[in-house]
Protein backbone atom coordinates (compact mmCIF):
# COMPACT_ATOMS: atom_id res chain seq x y z
CA UNK A 1 14.48 -40.13 -16.98
CA UNK A 2 15.19 -41.79 -20.32
CA UNK A 3 11.71 -40.87 -21.59
CA UNK A 4 12.32 -37.25 -20.62
CA UNK A 5 15.72 -37.30 -22.35
CA UNK A 6 14.07 -38.59 -25.50
CA UNK A 7 11.53 -35.78 -25.28
CA UNK A 8 14.33 -33.25 -24.80
CA UNK A 9 16.19 -34.51 -27.85
CA UNK A 10 12.96 -34.38 -29.83
CA UNK A 11 12.33 -30.82 -28.64
CA UNK A 12 15.78 -29.71 -29.75
CA UNK A 13 15.28 -31.36 -33.16
CA UNK A 14 11.89 -29.70 -33.61
CA UNK A 15 12.49 -26.24 -32.17
CA UNK A 16 16.26 -25.75 -32.21
CA UNK A 17 18.55 -24.47 -29.47
CA UNK A 18 18.96 -22.73 -27.15
CA UNK A 19 15.58 -23.82 -25.84
CA UNK A 20 13.74 -23.94 -22.53
CA UNK A 21 11.63 -27.06 -21.95
CA UNK A 22 9.28 -27.55 -18.96
CA UNK A 23 7.87 -30.90 -17.87
CA UNK A 24 4.28 -30.38 -16.70
CA UNK A 25 4.25 -33.72 -14.88
CA UNK A 26 7.03 -32.52 -12.57
CA UNK A 27 5.05 -29.40 -11.64
CA UNK A 28 2.04 -31.57 -10.85
CA UNK A 29 4.18 -33.93 -8.75
CA UNK A 30 5.61 -31.06 -6.70
CA UNK A 31 2.21 -29.48 -6.11
CA UNK A 32 0.73 -32.79 -4.99
CA UNK A 33 3.64 -33.30 -2.58
CA UNK A 34 2.70 -30.03 -0.88
CA UNK A 35 -1.04 -30.62 -0.72
CA UNK A 36 -0.40 -34.08 0.73
CA UNK A 37 2.15 -32.83 3.26
CA UNK A 38 -0.14 -30.09 4.58
CA UNK A 39 -3.40 -32.04 4.51
CA UNK A 40 -3.56 -31.95 8.32
CA UNK A 41 -4.58 -28.28 8.40
CA UNK A 42 -6.47 -25.99 6.03
CA UNK A 43 -3.70 -24.62 3.81
CA UNK A 44 -3.77 -22.51 0.64
CA UNK A 45 -0.92 -22.35 -1.87
CA UNK A 46 -0.24 -19.38 -4.14
CA UNK A 47 2.29 -20.10 -6.89
CA UNK A 48 4.99 -17.37 -6.87
CA UNK A 49 4.90 -16.59 -10.57
CA UNK A 50 8.06 -14.48 -10.44
CA UNK A 51 9.84 -17.83 -10.81
CA UNK A 52 8.28 -18.55 -14.22
CA UNK A 53 5.37 -16.55 -15.57
CA UNK A 54 4.65 -18.07 -18.99
CA UNK A 55 0.86 -18.13 -19.35
CA UNK A 56 0.85 -21.85 -20.26
CA UNK A 57 2.56 -22.63 -16.96
CA UNK A 58 0.15 -20.34 -15.10
CA UNK A 59 -2.81 -22.15 -16.65
CA UNK A 60 -1.31 -25.47 -15.58
CA UNK A 61 -0.95 -24.45 -11.92
CA UNK A 62 -4.43 -22.91 -12.01
CA UNK A 63 -5.74 -26.28 -13.14
CA UNK A 64 -4.00 -27.93 -10.19
CA UNK A 65 -5.98 -25.72 -7.81
CA UNK A 66 -3.23 -23.28 -6.87
CA UNK A 67 -3.62 -19.57 -6.30
CA UNK A 68 -1.10 -17.02 -7.59
CA UNK A 69 1.42 -14.85 -5.75
CA UNK A 70 2.36 -11.68 -7.67
CA UNK A 71 5.03 -9.06 -7.02
CA UNK A 72 4.09 -6.56 -9.75
CA UNK A 73 0.87 -5.18 -11.14
CA UNK A 74 1.62 -6.80 -14.49
CA UNK A 75 1.89 -10.19 -12.82
CA UNK A 76 -1.55 -9.49 -11.34
CA UNK A 77 -2.85 -8.68 -14.82
CA UNK A 78 -1.29 -11.90 -16.16
CA UNK A 79 -3.07 -13.89 -13.47
CA UNK A 80 -6.44 -12.33 -14.25
CA UNK A 81 -5.82 -12.81 -17.98
CA UNK A 82 -5.19 -16.52 -17.46
CA UNK A 83 -8.34 -16.96 -15.39
CA UNK A 84 -7.40 -16.73 -11.72
CA UNK A 85 -10.19 -15.16 -9.68
CA UNK A 86 -9.18 -11.99 -7.78
CA UNK A 87 -9.46 -13.83 -4.45
CA UNK A 88 -7.01 -16.43 -5.79
CA UNK A 89 -4.33 -13.76 -6.30
CA UNK A 90 -2.05 -12.38 -3.59
CA UNK A 91 -0.21 -9.15 -4.40
CA UNK A 92 3.07 -8.96 -2.45
CA UNK A 93 5.05 -5.99 -3.79
CA UNK A 94 7.79 -3.90 -2.27
CA UNK A 95 8.97 -0.35 -2.98
CA UNK A 96 5.90 0.38 -5.10
CA UNK A 97 3.90 3.57 -5.42
CA UNK A 98 0.62 4.06 -3.63
CA UNK A 99 -1.05 4.27 -7.03
CA UNK A 100 0.06 0.71 -7.90
CA UNK A 101 -1.36 -0.53 -4.62
CA UNK A 102 -4.66 1.21 -5.33
CA UNK A 103 -4.77 -0.32 -8.82
CA UNK A 104 -4.39 -3.78 -7.30
CA UNK A 105 -7.10 -2.95 -4.78
CA UNK A 106 -9.42 -1.89 -7.60
CA UNK A 107 -8.77 -5.24 -9.29
CA UNK A 108 -10.03 -6.94 -6.14
CA UNK A 109 -6.97 -9.05 -5.24
CA UNK A 110 -5.52 -9.81 -1.82
CA UNK A 111 -3.10 -7.08 -0.74
CA UNK A 112 0.05 -7.75 1.26
CA UNK A 113 1.55 -4.42 2.43
CA UNK A 114 5.15 -4.37 3.62
CA UNK A 115 5.85 -0.88 4.95
CA UNK A 116 4.27 1.40 7.50
CA UNK A 117 4.06 4.54 5.35
CA UNK A 118 1.98 2.80 2.64
CA UNK A 119 -0.10 1.05 5.28
CA UNK A 120 -0.84 4.35 7.00
CA UNK A 121 -1.77 6.03 3.71
CA UNK A 122 -3.95 3.09 2.69
CA UNK A 123 -5.73 3.18 6.03
CA UNK A 124 -6.22 6.95 5.89
CA UNK A 125 -7.74 6.61 2.41
CA UNK A 126 -9.84 3.47 2.72
CA UNK A 127 -10.13 2.79 6.45
CA UNK A 128 -11.34 -0.74 7.07
CA UNK A 129 -13.35 -0.98 3.84
CA UNK A 130 -10.75 -3.19 2.13
CA UNK A 131 -9.00 -5.85 4.23
CA UNK A 132 -5.23 -6.22 3.98
CA UNK A 133 -2.40 -8.52 4.95
CA UNK A 134 0.70 -7.10 6.64
CA UNK A 135 4.17 -8.38 5.84
CA UNK A 136 6.46 -8.57 8.86
CA UNK A 137 10.25 -8.92 8.99
CA UNK A 138 11.06 -11.55 11.66
CA UNK A 139 14.82 -10.83 11.68
CA UNK A 140 15.64 -14.45 10.93
CA UNK A 141 18.63 -14.97 8.66
CA UNK A 142 17.84 -17.95 6.45
CA UNK A 143 18.33 -19.05 2.86
CA UNK A 144 20.98 -20.54 0.59
CA UNK A 145 22.57 -17.26 -0.53
CA UNK A 146 22.62 -13.80 1.07
CA UNK A 147 21.06 -12.34 -2.07
CA UNK A 148 17.94 -14.46 -1.54
CA UNK A 149 17.65 -13.94 2.22
CA UNK A 150 14.72 -11.63 2.93
CA UNK A 151 14.09 -11.81 6.68
CA UNK A 152 17.34 -10.47 8.17
CA UNK A 153 17.72 -7.13 9.94
CA UNK A 154 19.16 -5.32 6.89
CA UNK A 155 16.49 -6.58 4.51
CA UNK A 156 14.28 -4.09 2.67
CA UNK A 157 11.32 -6.45 3.00
CA UNK A 158 8.58 -6.22 5.58
CA UNK A 159 7.83 -4.25 8.73
CA UNK A 160 10.24 -5.01 11.55
CA UNK A 161 8.76 -6.95 14.45
CA UNK A 162 10.43 -4.30 16.62
CA UNK A 163 8.00 -1.76 15.11
CA UNK A 164 4.96 -3.64 16.38
CA UNK A 165 3.74 -0.83 18.63
CA UNK A 166 3.98 1.65 15.74
CA UNK A 167 2.11 -0.80 13.51
CA UNK A 168 -0.63 -1.25 16.10
CA UNK A 169 -1.08 2.51 16.43
CA UNK A 170 -1.43 2.90 12.66
CA UNK A 171 -4.00 0.10 12.49
CA UNK A 172 -6.01 1.47 15.39
CA UNK A 173 -5.76 5.09 14.24
CA UNK A 174 -6.92 4.44 10.67
CA UNK A 175 -9.37 1.64 11.33
CA UNK A 176 -7.56 -0.79 9.04
CA UNK A 177 -8.95 -4.30 8.77
CA UNK A 178 -5.95 -6.64 9.01
CA UNK A 179 -7.02 -10.12 7.92
CA UNK A 180 -3.59 -11.73 7.58
CA UNK A 181 0.03 -11.60 8.70
CA UNK A 182 2.90 -12.67 6.43
CA UNK A 183 6.58 -13.56 6.72
CA UNK A 184 9.14 -14.82 4.22
CA UNK A 185 12.65 -15.43 5.50
CA UNK A 186 14.37 -16.49 2.27
CA UNK A 187 14.80 -19.22 -0.32
CA UNK A 188 16.35 -22.69 -0.17
CA UNK A 189 15.63 -23.26 3.53
CA UNK A 190 16.74 -26.75 4.53
CA UNK A 191 15.88 -26.60 8.23
CA UNK A 192 12.22 -27.09 9.11
CA UNK A 193 13.00 -25.33 12.39
CA UNK A 194 13.41 -22.01 10.55
CA UNK A 195 9.77 -22.12 9.49
CA UNK A 196 8.67 -23.05 12.98
CA UNK A 197 10.61 -20.15 14.56
CA UNK A 198 8.95 -17.79 12.09
CA UNK A 199 5.56 -19.29 12.91
CA UNK A 200 6.08 -18.70 16.63
CA UNK A 201 6.81 -15.04 15.85
CA UNK A 202 3.64 -14.88 13.74
CA UNK A 203 1.62 -16.42 16.56
CA UNK A 204 2.93 -13.81 18.99
CA UNK A 205 2.06 -10.99 16.56
CA UNK A 206 -1.35 -12.50 15.84
CA UNK A 207 -2.52 -11.98 19.41
CA UNK A 208 -2.55 -8.24 18.66
CA UNK A 209 -4.92 -8.53 15.70
CA UNK A 210 -8.36 -10.01 16.51
CA UNK A 211 -9.77 -10.21 12.95
CA UNK A 212 -7.20 -12.49 11.33
CA UNK A 213 -8.25 -15.16 8.85
CA UNK A 214 -4.82 -16.54 7.90
CA UNK A 215 -1.12 -16.59 8.72
CA UNK A 216 1.28 -16.72 5.78
CA UNK A 217 4.74 -18.32 6.00
CA UNK A 218 5.88 -17.29 2.53
CA UNK A 219 7.97 -20.10 1.11
CA UNK A 220 11.60 -21.03 0.67
CA UNK A 221 11.29 -24.81 0.31
CA UNK A 222 14.59 -26.15 -0.98
CA UNK A 223 14.85 -28.50 -3.95
CA UNK A 224 17.92 -30.67 -4.66
CA UNK A 225 20.28 -29.54 -7.41
CA UNK A 226 22.63 -32.50 -7.41
CA UNK A 227 22.73 -36.03 -6.00
CA UNK A 228 22.89 -35.98 -2.23
CA UNK A 229 21.61 -32.43 -1.97
CA UNK A 230 19.31 -31.85 1.00
CA UNK A 231 15.75 -30.67 0.47
CA UNK A 232 13.09 -29.34 2.75
CA UNK A 233 11.20 -32.14 4.49
CA UNK A 234 7.75 -30.79 3.66
CA UNK A 235 5.99 -33.78 5.19
CA UNK A 236 7.62 -33.18 8.58
CA UNK A 237 6.97 -29.46 8.25
CA UNK A 238 3.31 -30.08 7.41
CA UNK A 239 2.86 -32.22 10.51
CA UNK A 240 4.54 -29.67 12.78
CA UNK A 241 2.64 -26.73 11.27
CA UNK A 242 -0.70 -28.52 11.69
CA UNK A 243 0.00 -29.30 15.35
CA UNK A 244 1.20 -25.76 16.07
CA UNK A 245 -1.85 -24.17 14.45
CA UNK A 246 -4.27 -26.39 16.34
CA UNK A 247 -2.60 -25.49 19.61
CA UNK A 248 -2.54 -21.73 18.89
CA UNK A 249 -6.13 -21.66 17.63
CA UNK A 250 -7.33 -22.71 21.09
CA UNK A 251 -5.69 -19.56 22.47
CA UNK A 252 -6.76 -17.33 19.57
CA UNK A 253 -10.36 -18.48 19.71
CA UNK A 254 -10.95 -19.49 16.10
CA UNK A 255 -9.45 -21.39 13.18
CA UNK A 256 -6.90 -19.75 10.90
CA UNK A 257 -5.80 -20.76 7.42
CA UNK A 258 -2.12 -21.33 6.67
CA UNK A 259 -0.84 -19.79 3.41
CA UNK A 260 2.34 -20.48 1.41
CA UNK A 261 3.78 -19.09 -1.85
CA UNK A 262 5.97 -21.79 -3.43
CA UNK A 263 7.75 -20.75 -6.61
CA UNK A 264 11.04 -22.52 -7.21
CA UNK A 265 9.72 -25.62 -5.44
CA UNK A 266 7.04 -26.09 -8.09
CA UNK A 267 8.92 -25.30 -11.30
CA UNK A 268 12.69 -25.55 -10.78
CA UNK A 269 13.04 -29.29 -11.40
CA UNK A 270 10.57 -29.15 -14.28
CA UNK A 271 12.83 -26.99 -16.42
CA UNK A 272 15.75 -27.69 -18.77
CA UNK A 273 17.82 -25.30 -20.85
CA UNK A 274 18.97 -27.09 -23.98
CA UNK A 275 22.12 -25.78 -25.68
CA UNK A 276 24.39 -26.87 -28.51
CA UNK A 277 28.16 -27.05 -28.20
CA UNK A 278 29.65 -24.51 -30.61
CA UNK A 279 33.30 -25.13 -29.87
CA UNK A 280 35.61 -27.33 -27.79
CA UNK A 281 38.69 -25.29 -26.97
CA UNK A 282 41.77 -26.60 -25.17
CA UNK A 283 44.11 -24.12 -23.50
CA UNK A 284 47.18 -24.58 -21.33
CA UNK A 285 44.90 -24.58 -18.26
CA UNK A 286 41.60 -26.24 -19.17
CA UNK A 287 39.26 -27.60 -21.80
CA UNK A 288 36.35 -25.27 -22.56
CA UNK A 289 33.04 -26.41 -23.95
CA UNK A 290 31.59 -23.24 -25.46
CA UNK A 291 27.83 -23.34 -26.00
CA UNK A 292 25.35 -21.24 -28.00
CA UNK A 293 23.94 -19.57 -24.89
CA UNK A 294 25.20 -17.51 -21.99
CA UNK A 295 24.22 -15.70 -18.82
CA UNK A 296 21.77 -13.72 -20.93
CA UNK A 297 19.70 -16.92 -20.90
CA UNK A 298 20.63 -18.44 -17.53
CA UNK A 299 22.15 -15.92 -15.12
CA UNK A 300 21.85 -17.91 -11.90
CA UNK A 301 25.35 -19.50 -11.99
CA UNK A 302 26.91 -16.04 -12.34
CA UNK A 303 24.48 -14.23 -10.05
CA UNK A 304 24.02 -16.75 -7.25
CA UNK A 305 26.90 -19.20 -7.83
CA UNK A 306 24.20 -21.80 -8.35
CA UNK A 307 24.94 -25.36 -9.38
CA UNK A 308 23.09 -26.85 -12.36
CA UNK A 309 23.58 -30.47 -13.29
CA UNK A 310 24.57 -30.85 -16.96
CA UNK A 311 23.72 -33.83 -19.15
CA UNK A 312 25.31 -34.65 -22.50
CA UNK A 313 22.23 -35.88 -24.33
CA UNK A 314 24.21 -36.73 -27.47
CA UNK A 315 26.88 -38.84 -25.79
CA UNK A 316 25.44 -39.83 -22.39
CA UNK A 317 27.66 -42.89 -21.95
CA UNK A 318 30.92 -41.36 -23.12
CA UNK A 319 34.09 -41.51 -21.06
CA UNK A 320 34.11 -38.68 -18.53
CA UNK A 321 36.50 -35.76 -18.92
CA UNK A 322 36.89 -32.45 -17.16
CA UNK A 323 35.31 -29.44 -18.89
CA UNK A 324 34.64 -25.84 -18.08
CA UNK A 325 31.30 -25.05 -19.72
CA UNK A 326 31.06 -21.45 -20.87
CA UNK A 327 28.74 -19.22 -22.86
CA UNK A 328 29.06 -16.88 -25.83
CA UNK A 329 28.71 -13.55 -24.02
CA UNK A 330 31.43 -10.87 -24.09
CA UNK A 331 32.05 -11.30 -20.34
CA UNK A 332 33.07 -14.33 -18.32
CA UNK A 333 29.89 -16.40 -18.25
CA UNK A 334 30.80 -19.77 -16.81
CA UNK A 335 28.07 -22.34 -16.23
CA UNK A 336 30.39 -24.93 -14.66
CA UNK A 337 34.07 -25.04 -13.68
CA UNK A 338 36.06 -28.26 -14.08
CA UNK A 339 32.95 -30.45 -14.36
CA UNK A 340 33.26 -34.19 -15.07
CA UNK A 341 31.06 -34.80 -18.11
CA UNK A 342 30.73 -37.51 -20.77
CA UNK A 343 33.12 -36.60 -23.56
CA UNK A 344 31.89 -33.54 -25.42
CA UNK A 345 32.20 -32.88 -29.14
CA UNK A 346 31.15 -29.90 -31.18
CA UNK A 347 27.41 -29.94 -32.00
CA UNK A 348 26.60 -32.12 -28.98
CA UNK A 349 23.33 -31.35 -27.21
CA UNK A 350 23.69 -30.43 -23.53
CA UNK A 351 20.90 -29.98 -20.98
CA UNK A 352 21.13 -27.75 -17.92
CA UNK A 353 18.85 -29.16 -15.23
CA UNK A 354 16.81 -27.27 -12.60
CA UNK A 355 16.37 -24.40 -15.03
CA UNK A 356 12.64 -23.90 -14.59
CA UNK A 357 12.85 -21.20 -11.92
CA UNK A 358 14.47 -17.82 -12.62
CA UNK A 359 15.91 -19.07 -15.91
CA UNK A 360 13.95 -17.62 -18.79
CA UNK A 361 12.32 -15.25 -16.30
CA UNK A 362 15.63 -13.45 -15.68
CA UNK A 363 16.86 -13.67 -19.27
CA UNK A 364 17.78 -10.68 -21.39
CA UNK A 365 18.89 -9.70 -24.88
CA UNK A 366 22.35 -8.64 -23.71
CA UNK A 367 24.83 -8.48 -26.61
CA UNK A 368 21.74 -8.20 -28.84
CA UNK A 369 21.37 -11.96 -28.64
CA UNK A 370 17.79 -13.13 -28.78
CA UNK A 371 15.88 -14.93 -26.05
CA UNK A 372 15.16 -18.65 -26.51
CA UNK A 373 11.84 -20.27 -27.31
CA UNK A 374 9.92 -22.07 -24.55
CA UNK A 375 8.25 -25.47 -24.86
CA UNK A 376 5.93 -27.35 -22.52
CA UNK A 377 6.05 -31.13 -22.35
CA UNK A 378 2.45 -31.72 -21.32
CA UNK A 379 1.23 -34.66 -19.27
CA UNK A 380 0.14 -36.52 -22.38
CA UNK A 381 3.73 -36.42 -23.65
CA UNK A 382 3.08 -33.80 -26.34
CA UNK A 383 5.59 -31.00 -26.93
CA UNK A 384 3.85 -27.64 -27.20
CA UNK A 385 5.51 -24.37 -28.20
CA UNK A 386 4.53 -21.82 -25.55
CA UNK A 387 6.80 -18.93 -26.56
CA UNK A 388 8.29 -18.21 -29.96
CA UNK A 389 12.02 -17.66 -30.28
CA UNK A 390 12.85 -13.96 -30.27
CA UNK A 391 13.96 -12.52 -33.62
CA UNK A 392 16.12 -9.63 -34.78
CA UNK A 393 12.92 -7.75 -35.62
CA UNK A 394 11.78 -8.23 -32.02
CA UNK A 395 14.97 -6.49 -30.87
CA UNK A 396 13.99 -3.45 -32.96
CA UNK A 397 10.39 -3.42 -31.77
CA UNK A 398 9.76 -0.42 -29.54
CA UNK A 399 12.90 1.40 -30.61
CA UNK A 400 12.52 4.74 -32.37
CA UNK A 401 15.00 5.33 -35.18
CA UNK A 402 14.94 9.12 -35.41
CA UNK A 403 17.31 9.24 -38.39
CA UNK A 404 15.10 6.87 -40.36
CA UNK A 405 12.05 8.97 -39.44
CA UNK A 406 13.74 12.13 -40.68
CA UNK A 407 14.56 10.46 -44.03
CA UNK A 408 10.94 9.34 -44.40
CA UNK A 409 9.73 12.85 -43.58
């Protein structure tokens, strides 16, 4: 870790703070862990780029052999721009218009449709000329936070397994070619058994569709955020999935691929948000370390109550004291309450760990504060700028100043 810390300090010196830095070697390590764990059965991985969609990161995962999972038409366009082939892209949207679905179809990517009305309209328009995947809701409540649970009964995602007869009628009535079935129960799933229960539900549904080529378990692999944190045992899961598929394929009559869409699992641990301490403020209740960032740059602690380990890169061996680490936004934006950290001084460099997933991707220019730059630490050890720091002029871009226009006129 010392080499990485040196690289982080060098990145802050070269590019300033706040700054996102991603370690390409960590992404590679995580991808290889998956391909090794699931080597017992033909498995395809599609990186869920909603976690982090910088084109340099997309090119890196493309080079590893991954496909791409997209939830918007612009993510699809990003994937094609980077060089993913249409067949390497899976489009898994929700609450989109029929026109967006047709646009994705015209681009030639894999379609994953998650509601009956769109499925019926797609079938009525195209019949079986363009194969589709169907997203099911298994009614399994799983995931680290209710906001990231997607398979429970009140979820907006997927077609309920209790609507199977309706789904079958739509498929038969329109002549749809269903080539895959998909489920995703949530994120940060620690229990391998959750995946296996979902797989049993997929197997049961699969018996109703004779032209399947794959079954898709979504993702939700958990990564550790602090020492002692559990993580998904992907090796055990890979072994159990392989055995289950081989058993079911005897009943189904042919081999099926297994698909996954890992996002956070690939990029979370690769990412760091580097910030500078602007002020150390002692009150009657606590000691605040106020940094030059806020939830406009990393919203997860406020949005999901997520834990992010914090390193003091300037004073790593200092005596530990309790700090509440806060941002510079006009609302309460607390990164950590009463956290034991090496003694902090103004201008110290702090690093928030596990910031690769849904960090920059969910950032904003709230309070008219600009978004950070992004840097990739490539596998040769070189720091590469992959997104310029936003400027004041960028904040004005796209705005129309009608008063200024009138004066010009």
